[in-house]
N, C-alpha and C. Protein backbone atom coordinates (compact mmCIF):
# COMPACT_ATOMS: atom_id res chain seq x y z
N MET A 1 -0.03 15.13 42.01
CA MET A 1 -0.35 15.25 40.65
C MET A 1 -0.55 16.61 40.23
N ARG A 2 -0.01 17.11 38.97
CA ARG A 2 -0.21 18.33 38.72
C ARG A 2 -1.45 18.76 37.97
N LYS A 3 -2.20 20.06 38.30
CA LYS A 3 -3.20 20.37 37.66
C LYS A 3 -3.11 21.21 36.37
N LEU A 4 -3.86 20.90 35.45
CA LEU A 4 -3.52 21.34 34.16
C LEU A 4 -4.64 22.64 34.10
N SER A 5 -4.34 23.70 33.51
CA SER A 5 -5.32 24.85 33.13
C SER A 5 -6.47 24.26 32.20
N ASN A 6 -7.33 24.97 31.99
CA ASN A 6 -8.52 24.63 30.99
C ASN A 6 -8.21 24.62 29.82
N ASP A 7 -7.10 25.82 29.40
CA ASP A 7 -6.74 25.92 28.05
C ASP A 7 -5.68 24.78 27.66
N VAL A 8 -4.91 24.24 28.71
CA VAL A 8 -4.21 23.24 28.27
C VAL A 8 -4.87 22.13 28.21
N TRP A 9 -5.90 21.89 28.88
CA TRP A 9 -6.52 20.58 28.85
C TRP A 9 -7.54 20.41 27.58
N ILE A 10 -7.90 21.63 27.25
CA ILE A 10 -8.59 21.60 26.08
C ILE A 10 -7.77 21.19 24.66
N SER A 11 -6.64 21.88 24.73
CA SER A 11 -5.59 21.73 23.62
C SER A 11 -5.15 20.23 23.44
N THR A 12 -5.00 19.78 24.78
CA THR A 12 -4.33 18.32 24.75
C THR A 12 -5.30 17.56 24.26
N THR A 13 -6.72 17.63 24.84
CA THR A 13 -7.85 16.76 24.36
C THR A 13 -8.08 16.93 22.68
N LYS A 14 -7.96 18.13 22.14
CA LYS A 14 -8.19 18.33 20.78
C LYS A 14 -6.98 17.49 20.00
N ASN A 15 -5.75 17.53 20.57
CA ASN A 15 -4.63 17.03 19.72
C ASN A 15 -4.74 15.55 19.99
N LEU A 16 -5.27 15.08 21.10
CA LEU A 16 -5.45 13.40 21.11
C LEU A 16 -6.58 13.16 20.16
N LEU A 17 -7.72 13.81 20.05
CA LEU A 17 -8.66 13.56 19.27
C LEU A 17 -8.43 13.51 17.58
N LYS A 18 -7.70 14.61 17.12
CA LYS A 18 -7.06 14.64 15.87
C LYS A 18 -6.19 13.60 15.46
N LYS A 19 -5.36 13.05 16.46
CA LYS A 19 -4.62 12.03 16.33
C LYS A 19 -5.45 10.68 15.96
N ARG A 20 -6.48 10.69 16.92
CA ARG A 20 -7.33 9.50 16.59
C ARG A 20 -8.01 9.43 15.45
N GLU A 21 -8.50 10.22 15.06
CA GLU A 21 -9.55 10.56 13.56
C GLU A 21 -8.35 10.42 12.53
N LYS A 22 -7.06 10.75 12.87
CA LYS A 22 -6.08 10.50 11.42
C LYS A 22 -5.81 8.90 11.30
N LYS A 23 -5.84 8.22 12.56
CA LYS A 23 -5.42 6.93 12.51
C LYS A 23 -6.55 6.33 12.12
N LYS A 24 -7.60 6.75 12.38
CA LYS A 24 -9.09 6.08 11.78
C LYS A 24 -9.13 6.20 10.35
N ARG A 25 -8.83 7.53 10.09
CA ARG A 25 -8.95 7.62 8.50
C ARG A 25 -7.96 6.64 7.47
N ILE A 26 -6.67 6.57 8.00
CA ILE A 26 -5.78 5.47 7.66
C ILE A 26 -6.40 4.17 7.61
N LYS A 27 -6.79 3.64 8.81
CA LYS A 27 -7.23 2.48 8.73
C LYS A 27 -8.65 2.00 7.82
N MET A 28 -9.46 3.20 7.70
CA MET A 28 -10.37 3.00 6.74
C MET A 28 -9.99 3.12 5.44
N ASN A 29 -8.87 3.69 4.98
CA ASN A 29 -8.26 3.74 3.65
C ASN A 29 -7.94 2.27 3.15
N ARG A 30 -7.94 1.32 4.01
CA ARG A 30 -7.43 -0.04 3.74
C ARG A 30 -8.66 -0.81 3.06
N PHE A 31 -9.82 -0.24 3.44
CA PHE A 31 -10.95 -1.11 3.00
C PHE A 31 -11.62 -0.20 1.97
N PHE A 32 -11.23 0.80 1.43
CA PHE A 32 -11.92 1.46 0.25
C PHE A 32 -11.04 1.80 -0.60
N VAL A 33 -11.37 1.78 -2.06
CA VAL A 33 -10.23 2.04 -2.89
C VAL A 33 -10.51 3.57 -3.50
N PRO A 34 -9.59 4.18 -4.14
CA PRO A 34 -9.64 5.49 -4.76
C PRO A 34 -10.61 5.52 -5.54
N ASP A 35 -11.06 6.78 -6.05
CA ASP A 35 -12.27 7.14 -7.13
C ASP A 35 -11.93 6.46 -8.54
N ASN A 36 -10.53 6.70 -8.94
CA ASN A 36 -10.09 6.19 -10.27
C ASN A 36 -10.36 4.56 -10.33
N VAL A 37 -9.88 3.84 -9.24
CA VAL A 37 -10.09 2.50 -9.34
C VAL A 37 -11.55 2.05 -9.44
N TYR A 38 -12.23 2.98 -8.42
CA TYR A 38 -13.83 2.59 -8.45
C TYR A 38 -14.26 2.64 -9.88
N LYS A 39 -13.97 3.81 -10.28
CA LYS A 39 -14.63 3.97 -11.73
C LYS A 39 -14.34 2.86 -12.66
N ASP A 40 -12.76 2.62 -12.80
CA ASP A 40 -12.44 1.46 -13.57
C ASP A 40 -13.19 0.21 -13.27
N ARG A 41 -13.33 -0.14 -12.19
CA ARG A 41 -14.34 -1.41 -11.69
C ARG A 41 -15.63 -1.37 -12.09
N ILE A 42 -16.35 -0.19 -12.05
CA ILE A 42 -17.70 0.13 -12.76
C ILE A 42 -17.80 -0.12 -14.12
N GLU A 43 -16.87 0.29 -14.59
CA GLU A 43 -17.04 0.41 -15.92
C GLU A 43 -16.76 -1.26 -16.64
N ILE A 44 -15.82 -2.15 -15.93
CA ILE A 44 -15.75 -3.63 -16.08
C ILE A 44 -17.11 -4.01 -15.83
N CYS A 45 -17.69 -3.97 -14.80
CA CYS A 45 -19.14 -4.40 -14.51
C CYS A 45 -19.98 -4.10 -15.37
N LYS A 46 -19.97 -2.89 -15.75
CA LYS A 46 -20.94 -2.50 -16.66
C LYS A 46 -20.81 -3.00 -18.10
N GLY A 47 -19.66 -3.52 -18.41
CA GLY A 47 -19.67 -4.36 -19.66
C GLY A 47 -19.92 -5.94 -19.62
N CYS A 48 -20.17 -6.22 -18.48
CA CYS A 48 -20.30 -7.73 -18.26
C CYS A 48 -21.61 -8.30 -18.54
N VAL A 49 -21.85 -9.38 -18.97
CA VAL A 49 -23.19 -9.92 -19.15
C VAL A 49 -23.87 -10.18 -18.19
N PHE A 50 -23.41 -10.31 -16.75
CA PHE A 50 -24.30 -10.51 -15.65
C PHE A 50 -24.61 -9.15 -15.09
N TYR A 51 -24.16 -7.88 -15.50
CA TYR A 51 -24.77 -6.59 -15.00
C TYR A 51 -25.95 -6.62 -15.22
N PHE A 52 -26.86 -6.33 -14.17
CA PHE A 52 -28.26 -6.00 -14.42
C PHE A 52 -28.36 -4.48 -13.98
N LYS A 53 -28.62 -3.95 -15.29
CA LYS A 53 -28.53 -2.20 -15.13
C LYS A 53 -29.73 -1.67 -14.32
N PRO A 54 -30.91 -2.00 -14.51
CA PRO A 54 -31.91 -1.41 -13.74
C PRO A 54 -31.68 -1.42 -12.08
N THR A 55 -31.20 -2.37 -11.58
CA THR A 55 -30.91 -2.22 -10.28
C THR A 55 -29.44 -2.03 -9.81
N GLY A 56 -28.47 -2.21 -10.65
CA GLY A 56 -27.25 -2.12 -10.50
C GLY A 56 -26.33 -3.39 -9.69
N THR A 57 -27.30 -4.59 -10.10
CA THR A 57 -26.48 -5.47 -9.25
C THR A 57 -25.76 -6.75 -10.31
N CYS A 58 -25.43 -7.73 -9.56
CA CYS A 58 -24.47 -8.54 -10.44
C CYS A 58 -25.77 -9.84 -10.35
N LYS A 59 -25.97 -10.26 -11.78
CA LYS A 59 -26.88 -11.56 -11.54
C LYS A 59 -26.21 -12.75 -11.15
N ASP A 60 -24.82 -12.88 -11.22
CA ASP A 60 -24.01 -13.99 -10.69
C ASP A 60 -24.18 -14.17 -9.09
N CYS A 61 -23.59 -13.17 -8.72
CA CYS A 61 -23.34 -13.08 -7.16
C CYS A 61 -24.66 -12.36 -6.44
N GLY A 62 -25.34 -11.40 -7.05
CA GLY A 62 -26.34 -10.92 -6.52
C GLY A 62 -25.86 -9.51 -5.56
N CYS A 63 -24.58 -9.04 -5.83
CA CYS A 63 -24.05 -7.93 -4.97
C CYS A 63 -24.68 -6.59 -5.79
N PHE A 64 -24.72 -5.69 -4.89
CA PHE A 64 -24.89 -4.22 -5.56
C PHE A 64 -23.57 -3.85 -5.91
N MET A 65 -23.32 -3.62 -7.19
CA MET A 65 -21.92 -3.28 -7.74
C MET A 65 -21.43 -1.91 -7.39
N LYS A 66 -22.07 -0.98 -7.20
CA LYS A 66 -21.72 0.34 -6.63
C LYS A 66 -21.06 0.22 -5.34
N ILE A 67 -21.50 -0.75 -4.42
CA ILE A 67 -20.88 -0.85 -3.26
C ILE A 67 -19.61 -1.91 -3.36
N LYS A 68 -19.84 -2.86 -3.97
CA LYS A 68 -18.79 -4.06 -4.23
C LYS A 68 -17.64 -3.45 -4.95
N ALA A 69 -17.62 -2.48 -5.68
CA ALA A 69 -16.60 -1.74 -6.30
C ALA A 69 -15.81 -1.06 -5.69
N ARG A 70 -16.38 -0.29 -4.56
CA ARG A 70 -15.77 0.55 -3.69
C ARG A 70 -14.98 -0.38 -2.63
N LEU A 71 -15.45 -1.54 -2.34
CA LEU A 71 -14.57 -2.12 -1.29
C LEU A 71 -13.47 -3.04 -1.84
N ALA A 72 -12.19 -2.73 -1.24
CA ALA A 72 -11.04 -3.08 -1.79
C ALA A 72 -10.78 -4.48 -1.52
N PRO A 73 -11.28 -5.34 -0.80
CA PRO A 73 -11.15 -6.72 -0.58
C PRO A 73 -11.93 -7.43 -1.53
N MET A 74 -12.83 -7.00 -2.18
CA MET A 74 -13.98 -7.44 -2.90
C MET A 74 -13.26 -7.87 -4.29
N ALA A 75 -13.75 -9.06 -4.77
CA ALA A 75 -13.35 -9.49 -6.01
C ALA A 75 -14.57 -10.10 -6.89
N CYS A 76 -14.34 -9.95 -8.37
CA CYS A 76 -15.34 -10.46 -9.18
C CYS A 76 -15.68 -11.91 -9.03
N SER A 77 -16.81 -12.48 -9.02
CA SER A 77 -17.04 -13.81 -8.90
C SER A 77 -16.93 -14.50 -10.36
N GLN A 78 -16.79 -13.69 -11.43
CA GLN A 78 -16.38 -14.07 -12.72
C GLN A 78 -15.03 -13.75 -13.14
N LYS A 79 -14.32 -13.49 -12.17
CA LYS A 79 -12.70 -13.12 -12.44
C LYS A 79 -12.76 -12.11 -13.54
N ASN A 80 -13.52 -11.26 -13.74
CA ASN A 80 -13.30 -10.15 -14.85
C ASN A 80 -12.40 -9.00 -14.66
N GLY A 81 -11.75 -9.20 -13.68
CA GLY A 81 -10.72 -8.36 -13.42
C GLY A 81 -10.89 -7.14 -12.36
N ILE A 82 -11.87 -7.27 -11.54
CA ILE A 82 -12.21 -6.19 -10.55
C ILE A 82 -11.22 -6.13 -9.40
N ARG A 83 -10.69 -7.10 -9.11
CA ARG A 83 -9.59 -7.24 -8.22
C ARG A 83 -8.35 -6.84 -8.69
N GLN A 84 -7.87 -7.03 -9.83
CA GLN A 84 -6.65 -6.85 -10.63
C GLN A 84 -6.54 -5.31 -10.63
N LEU A 85 -7.38 -4.45 -10.85
CA LEU A 85 -7.28 -2.87 -10.92
C LEU A 85 -7.01 -2.23 -9.84
N LYS A 86 -6.72 -2.85 -8.63
CA LYS A 86 -6.31 -2.44 -7.13
C LYS A 86 -4.96 -1.83 -7.48
């Protein structure tokens, strides 16, 4: 087995870590929506009669809307279009 110098070992390790981080970021992007979609979803929620402004929650499902609107697979329990803006 061939021995690698410290410089080669470090650069190889850094490259592997960069690749892993890139894959991780791509994977996480499937779970979160972009900022413009998030803003649209929040505006829809704020216009809904079930939105409870003091806590930012939905009176129908009880979810915190700032979190729910950020997550891609989540949908509005009242079918107000939170999923359609994806």
